[in-house]
């Protein structure tokens, strides 16, 4: 992961492609983590999304890293993915003018 300074409140996050050798049984978990990291990275780097949501995405990236390193158990992955889906829904509501209590920065 690298951080590029772009003179904004948040820095650009870039998660390099993961290359991890996993046993066949672990491939499904690896693919779920990789997909979740990609979604969270996209949210974290989208300057049109409210900073509160972007920071939430960064928090989830931290948890996903802990799953990869074994600090968090794989059973927590379901919780993390659910939180990511909830975050995506909040963002959709805020973009469509829904009254979710969040706002999207104007372009």
Protein backbone atom coordinates (compact mmCIF):
# COMPACT_ATOMS: atom_id res chain seq x y z
CA UNK A 1 0.00 0.00 0.00
CA UNK A 2 1.34 3.43 -0.83
CA UNK A 3 0.12 6.90 0.07
CA UNK A 4 0.48 9.75 -2.40
CA UNK A 5 0.23 13.30 -1.11
CA UNK A 6 -2.25 15.22 -3.25
CA UNK A 7 -2.59 18.26 -0.95
CA UNK A 8 -6.10 17.29 0.10
CA UNK A 9 -7.43 16.38 3.51
CA UNK A 10 -7.08 12.70 2.61
CA UNK A 11 -4.19 11.12 0.75
CA UNK A 12 -4.66 8.83 -2.23
CA UNK A 13 -4.53 5.17 -1.27
CA UNK A 14 -3.15 2.63 -3.71
CA UNK A 15 -3.27 -1.04 -2.81
CA UNK A 16 -0.89 -2.94 -5.03
CA UNK A 17 -2.07 -6.26 -6.47
CA UNK A 18 -1.90 -8.94 -3.84
CA UNK A 19 0.22 -11.95 -4.59
CA UNK A 20 -0.22 -14.48 -1.85
CA UNK A 21 0.20 -18.22 -2.13
CA UNK A 22 -2.79 -19.81 -0.46
CA UNK A 23 -4.03 -23.33 -0.09
CA UNK A 24 -7.03 -24.32 -2.20
CA UNK A 25 -9.31 -24.10 0.86
CA UNK A 26 -8.25 -20.49 1.46
CA UNK A 27 -8.77 -19.23 -2.12
CA UNK A 28 -12.37 -18.24 -1.46
CA UNK A 29 -11.36 -16.18 1.59
CA UNK A 30 -8.50 -14.56 -0.33
CA UNK A 31 -10.83 -13.61 -3.20
CA UNK A 32 -13.38 -12.13 -0.78
CA UNK A 33 -10.70 -10.02 0.93
CA UNK A 34 -9.25 -8.92 -2.42
CA UNK A 35 -12.71 -7.87 -3.68
CA UNK A 36 -13.49 -6.01 -0.46
CA UNK A 37 -10.13 -4.22 -0.57
CA UNK A 38 -10.83 -3.11 -4.13
CA UNK A 39 -14.26 -1.70 -3.20
CA UNK A 40 -12.94 0.06 -0.11
CA UNK A 41 -10.01 1.53 -2.05
CA UNK A 42 -12.38 2.89 -4.71
CA UNK A 43 -14.52 4.59 -2.04
CA UNK A 44 -11.50 5.96 -0.14
CA UNK A 45 -10.07 7.58 -3.27
CA UNK A 46 -13.31 9.06 -4.66
CA UNK A 47 -13.09 12.80 -3.98
CA UNK A 48 -16.81 13.18 -4.74
CA UNK A 49 -17.71 11.09 -1.70
CA UNK A 50 -18.12 12.68 1.71
CA UNK A 51 -14.95 12.49 3.79
CA UNK A 52 -16.81 10.68 6.57
CA UNK A 53 -17.53 7.79 4.17
CA UNK A 54 -13.99 7.85 2.81
CA UNK A 55 -12.57 7.58 6.33
CA UNK A 56 -14.93 4.67 7.04
CA UNK A 57 -13.54 2.92 3.95
CA UNK A 58 -10.00 3.43 5.28
CA UNK A 59 -11.04 1.92 8.61
CA UNK A 60 -12.37 -1.14 6.78
CA UNK A 61 -9.12 -1.42 4.77
CA UNK A 62 -7.30 -1.64 8.10
CA UNK A 63 -9.54 -4.46 9.27
CA UNK A 64 -9.10 -6.31 5.97
CA UNK A 65 -5.33 -6.05 6.38
CA UNK A 66 -5.71 -7.59 9.81
CA UNK A 67 -7.68 -10.48 8.31
CA UNK A 68 -4.87 -11.05 5.79
CA UNK A 69 -2.20 -11.08 8.49
CA UNK A 70 -4.23 -13.34 10.75
CA UNK A 71 -4.73 -10.77 13.50
CA UNK A 72 -8.49 -10.93 12.95
CA UNK A 73 -10.17 -14.26 12.44
CA UNK A 74 -11.69 -15.03 9.06
CA UNK A 75 -15.14 -15.16 10.70
CA UNK A 76 -14.86 -11.37 11.08
CA UNK A 77 -14.67 -11.10 7.28
CA UNK A 78 -18.44 -11.51 7.04
CA UNK A 79 -18.90 -8.56 9.42
CA UNK A 80 -16.43 -6.43 7.48
CA UNK A 81 -18.11 -7.21 4.16
CA UNK A 82 -21.50 -6.35 5.66
CA UNK A 83 -20.14 -3.00 6.90
CA UNK A 84 -18.76 -2.31 3.42
CA UNK A 85 -22.16 -3.04 1.84
CA UNK A 86 -23.83 -0.72 4.37
CA UNK A 87 -21.30 1.99 3.52
CA UNK A 88 -22.02 1.58 -0.21
CA UNK A 89 -25.75 1.92 0.51
CA UNK A 90 -25.19 5.10 2.53
CA UNK A 91 -23.19 6.53 -0.35
CA UNK A 92 -25.91 5.62 -2.87
CA UNK A 93 -28.54 7.28 -0.67
CA UNK A 94 -26.48 10.43 -0.31
CA UNK A 95 -25.84 10.63 -4.06
CA UNK A 96 -29.52 10.14 -4.89
CA UNK A 97 -30.61 12.83 -2.44
CA UNK A 98 -31.90 10.34 0.12
CA UNK A 99 -32.15 11.57 3.67
CA UNK A 100 -29.43 9.43 5.21
CA UNK A 101 -27.82 12.28 7.12
CA UNK A 102 -24.77 12.29 4.86
CA UNK A 103 -23.73 14.53 2.01
CA UNK A 104 -21.56 14.26 -1.05
CA UNK A 105 -19.14 17.05 -1.80
CA UNK A 106 -20.13 18.92 -4.96
CA UNK A 107 -17.90 18.28 -7.97
